[in-house]
Amino acid sequence: MAQFYNIVNRKIIQDGKQEKILHHRVGNIKVTNNGEWFLQMFHLPETEFQILSSYTSELPVTQIEDNEY
């Protein structure tokens, strides 16, 4: 089964007393069963980018903790 990762941006809003953090989904990354990586950014509709590993190393997979989202 393919894996999907959300791409988000974070905006911090302060109203004097409180701080509020908003996260907006701006795209996603799809990793296929064959190990291919694809990037889709929502501000570029109908455009899909393929992510290729460098010649010297493989692409790292970063695990984001639940509290980072």
N, C-alpha and C. Protein backbone atom coordinates (compact mmCIF):
# COMPACT_ATOMS: atom_id res chain seq x y z
N MET A 1 0.83 -1.17 0.00
CA MET A 1 0.00 0.00 0.00
C MET A 1 0.89 1.25 0.00
N ALA A 2 0.53 2.24 -0.79
CA ALA A 2 1.29 3.48 -0.85
C ALA A 2 1.18 4.24 0.48
N GLN A 3 2.22 5.00 0.80
CA GLN A 3 2.23 5.82 2.01
C GLN A 3 2.06 7.28 1.60
N PHE A 4 1.33 8.05 2.41
CA PHE A 4 1.12 9.46 2.14
C PHE A 4 1.59 10.28 3.34
N TYR A 5 2.25 11.39 3.07
CA TYR A 5 2.72 12.32 4.09
C TYR A 5 2.15 13.70 3.78
N ASN A 6 1.61 14.38 4.78
CA ASN A 6 1.09 15.72 4.60
C ASN A 6 2.22 16.73 4.65
N ILE A 7 2.11 17.76 3.84
CA ILE A 7 3.02 18.90 3.90
C ILE A 7 2.19 20.05 4.46
N VAL A 8 2.64 20.63 5.55
CA VAL A 8 1.88 21.70 6.21
C VAL A 8 2.77 22.92 6.42
N ASN A 9 2.13 24.08 6.53
CA ASN A 9 2.85 25.26 7.00
C ASN A 9 2.25 25.64 8.34
N ARG A 10 3.02 26.36 9.13
CA ARG A 10 2.56 26.72 10.47
C ARG A 10 2.53 28.24 10.58
N LYS A 11 1.44 28.75 11.12
CA LYS A 11 1.31 30.18 11.34
C LYS A 11 0.96 30.40 12.80
N ILE A 12 1.70 31.30 13.46
CA ILE A 12 1.47 31.62 14.87
C ILE A 12 0.77 32.96 14.93
N ILE A 13 -0.39 32.98 15.59
CA ILE A 13 -1.17 34.20 15.73
C ILE A 13 -1.20 34.57 17.22
N GLN A 14 -0.88 35.83 17.51
CA GLN A 14 -0.93 36.31 18.89
C GLN A 14 -1.93 37.45 18.98
N ASP A 15 -2.82 37.37 19.96
CA ASP A 15 -3.80 38.44 20.14
C ASP A 15 -3.59 39.20 21.44
N GLY A 16 -2.38 39.22 21.92
CA GLY A 16 -2.07 39.92 23.16
C GLY A 16 -2.01 39.00 24.36
N LYS A 17 -3.06 38.20 24.58
CA LYS A 17 -3.10 37.30 25.73
C LYS A 17 -2.72 35.87 25.37
N GLN A 18 -3.23 35.44 24.23
CA GLN A 18 -3.05 34.05 23.85
C GLN A 18 -2.27 33.92 22.56
N GLU A 19 -1.69 32.75 22.42
CA GLU A 19 -1.00 32.41 21.19
C GLU A 19 -1.72 31.22 20.55
N LYS A 20 -2.03 31.34 19.30
CA LYS A 20 -2.72 30.27 18.60
C LYS A 20 -1.87 29.84 17.42
N ILE A 21 -1.73 28.53 17.24
CA ILE A 21 -0.95 27.99 16.14
C ILE A 21 -1.89 27.32 15.16
N LEU A 22 -1.82 27.74 13.90
CA LEU A 22 -2.65 27.16 12.84
C LEU A 22 -1.75 26.37 11.89
N HIS A 23 -2.24 25.23 11.46
CA HIS A 23 -1.54 24.43 10.47
C HIS A 23 -2.44 24.29 9.24
N HIS A 24 -1.89 24.56 8.08
CA HIS A 24 -2.62 24.44 6.83
C HIS A 24 -1.91 23.43 5.95
N ARG A 25 -2.68 22.49 5.41
CA ARG A 25 -2.12 21.53 4.47
C ARG A 25 -1.86 22.22 3.15
N VAL A 26 -0.63 22.15 2.66
CA VAL A 26 -0.26 22.80 1.40
C VAL A 26 0.14 21.79 0.33
N GLY A 27 0.17 20.51 0.69
CA GLY A 27 0.53 19.50 -0.29
C GLY A 27 0.67 18.14 0.36
N ASN A 28 1.18 17.19 -0.42
CA ASN A 28 1.44 15.86 0.13
C ASN A 28 2.57 15.18 -0.64
N ILE A 29 3.11 14.17 -0.01
CA ILE A 29 4.12 13.31 -0.61
C ILE A 29 3.56 11.91 -0.63
N LYS A 30 3.70 11.26 -1.76
CA LYS A 30 3.24 9.87 -1.89
C LYS A 30 4.45 8.99 -2.16
N VAL A 31 4.56 7.91 -1.42
CA VAL A 31 5.61 6.91 -1.63
C VAL A 31 4.92 5.64 -2.09
N THR A 32 5.24 5.18 -3.31
CA THR A 32 4.57 4.01 -3.87
C THR A 32 5.20 2.73 -3.35
N ASN A 33 4.55 1.61 -3.64
CA ASN A 33 5.08 0.31 -3.25
C ASN A 33 6.43 0.03 -3.91
N ASN A 34 6.68 0.64 -5.06
CA ASN A 34 7.96 0.46 -5.76
C ASN A 34 9.06 1.36 -5.22
N GLY A 35 8.77 2.17 -4.20
CA GLY A 35 9.77 3.06 -3.62
C GLY A 35 9.91 4.39 -4.33
N GLU A 36 8.96 4.73 -5.21
CA GLU A 36 9.01 6.00 -5.91
C GLU A 36 8.33 7.08 -5.05
N TRP A 37 8.92 8.28 -5.05
CA TRP A 37 8.42 9.39 -4.26
C TRP A 37 7.83 10.45 -5.20
N PHE A 38 6.65 10.97 -4.84
CA PHE A 38 6.00 12.01 -5.63
C PHE A 38 5.55 13.13 -4.71
N LEU A 39 5.72 14.36 -5.19
CA LEU A 39 5.35 15.56 -4.44
C LEU A 39 4.23 16.27 -5.17
N GLN A 40 3.17 16.65 -4.44
CA GLN A 40 2.09 17.43 -5.01
C GLN A 40 1.87 18.64 -4.12
N MET A 41 1.97 19.83 -4.71
CA MET A 41 1.72 21.08 -3.99
C MET A 41 0.38 21.62 -4.46
N PHE A 42 -0.48 22.00 -3.52
CA PHE A 42 -1.83 22.40 -3.87
C PHE A 42 -1.89 23.71 -4.65
N HIS A 43 -0.87 24.56 -4.52
CA HIS A 43 -0.88 25.82 -5.27
C HIS A 43 -0.42 25.62 -6.72
N LEU A 44 -0.02 24.40 -7.08
CA LEU A 44 0.34 24.03 -8.45
C LEU A 44 -0.54 22.86 -8.88
N PRO A 45 -1.81 23.10 -9.16
CA PRO A 45 -2.72 22.00 -9.47
C PRO A 45 -2.32 21.27 -10.74
N GLU A 46 -2.62 19.98 -10.76
CA GLU A 46 -2.35 19.11 -11.90
C GLU A 46 -0.86 19.02 -12.24
N THR A 47 -0.01 19.28 -11.25
CA THR A 47 1.44 19.15 -11.43
C THR A 47 1.95 18.20 -10.35
N GLU A 48 2.59 17.14 -10.76
CA GLU A 48 3.14 16.17 -9.82
C GLU A 48 4.64 16.08 -10.07
N PHE A 49 5.42 16.21 -9.01
CA PHE A 49 6.88 16.15 -9.10
C PHE A 49 7.35 14.81 -8.58
N GLN A 50 8.37 14.25 -9.19
CA GLN A 50 8.97 13.02 -8.68
C GLN A 50 10.23 13.39 -7.93
N ILE A 51 10.41 12.80 -6.77
CA ILE A 51 11.58 13.05 -5.93
C ILE A 51 12.55 11.90 -6.17
N LEU A 52 13.76 12.24 -6.60
CA LEU A 52 14.78 11.24 -6.89
C LEU A 52 15.89 11.30 -5.86
N SER A 53 16.42 10.15 -5.52
CA SER A 53 17.54 10.12 -4.57
C SER A 53 18.80 10.62 -5.26
N SER A 54 19.73 11.10 -4.45
CA SER A 54 21.00 11.53 -5.00
C SER A 54 21.82 10.30 -5.37
N TYR A 55 22.89 10.52 -6.07
CA TYR A 55 23.71 9.40 -6.51
C TYR A 55 24.48 8.75 -5.37
N THR A 56 24.67 9.48 -4.25
CA THR A 56 25.50 8.96 -3.18
C THR A 56 24.72 8.40 -2.00
N SER A 57 23.46 8.77 -1.87
CA SER A 57 22.72 8.28 -0.70
C SER A 57 21.23 8.18 -1.02
N GLU A 58 20.52 7.46 -0.18
CA GLU A 58 19.08 7.32 -0.33
C GLU A 58 18.36 8.45 0.38
N LEU A 59 17.11 8.69 -0.02
CA LEU A 59 16.33 9.73 0.62
C LEU A 59 16.01 9.33 2.06
N PRO A 60 16.18 10.25 3.00
CA PRO A 60 15.81 9.94 4.38
C PRO A 60 14.31 10.04 4.57
N VAL A 61 13.78 9.29 5.52
CA VAL A 61 12.37 9.38 5.89
C VAL A 61 12.33 9.97 7.29
N THR A 62 11.71 11.12 7.42
CA THR A 62 11.64 11.81 8.70
C THR A 62 10.32 11.49 9.37
N GLN A 63 10.39 10.99 10.58
CA GLN A 63 9.19 10.70 11.36
C GLN A 63 8.87 11.92 12.21
N ILE A 64 7.70 12.53 11.97
CA ILE A 64 7.28 13.70 12.73
C ILE A 64 6.41 13.22 13.88
N GLU A 65 6.75 13.66 15.08
CA GLU A 65 6.00 13.28 16.26
C GLU A 65 4.62 13.94 16.21
N ASP A 66 3.64 13.34 16.89
CA ASP A 66 2.28 13.86 16.89
C ASP A 66 2.21 15.29 17.39
N ASN A 67 3.05 15.67 18.37
CA ASN A 67 2.99 17.02 18.91
C ASN A 67 3.64 18.06 17.99
N GLU A 68 4.30 17.63 16.93
CA GLU A 68 4.89 18.56 15.97
C GLU A 68 3.88 18.99 14.94
N TYR A 69 2.78 18.27 14.82
CA TYR A 69 1.76 18.57 13.80
C TYR A 69 0.82 19.62 14.27
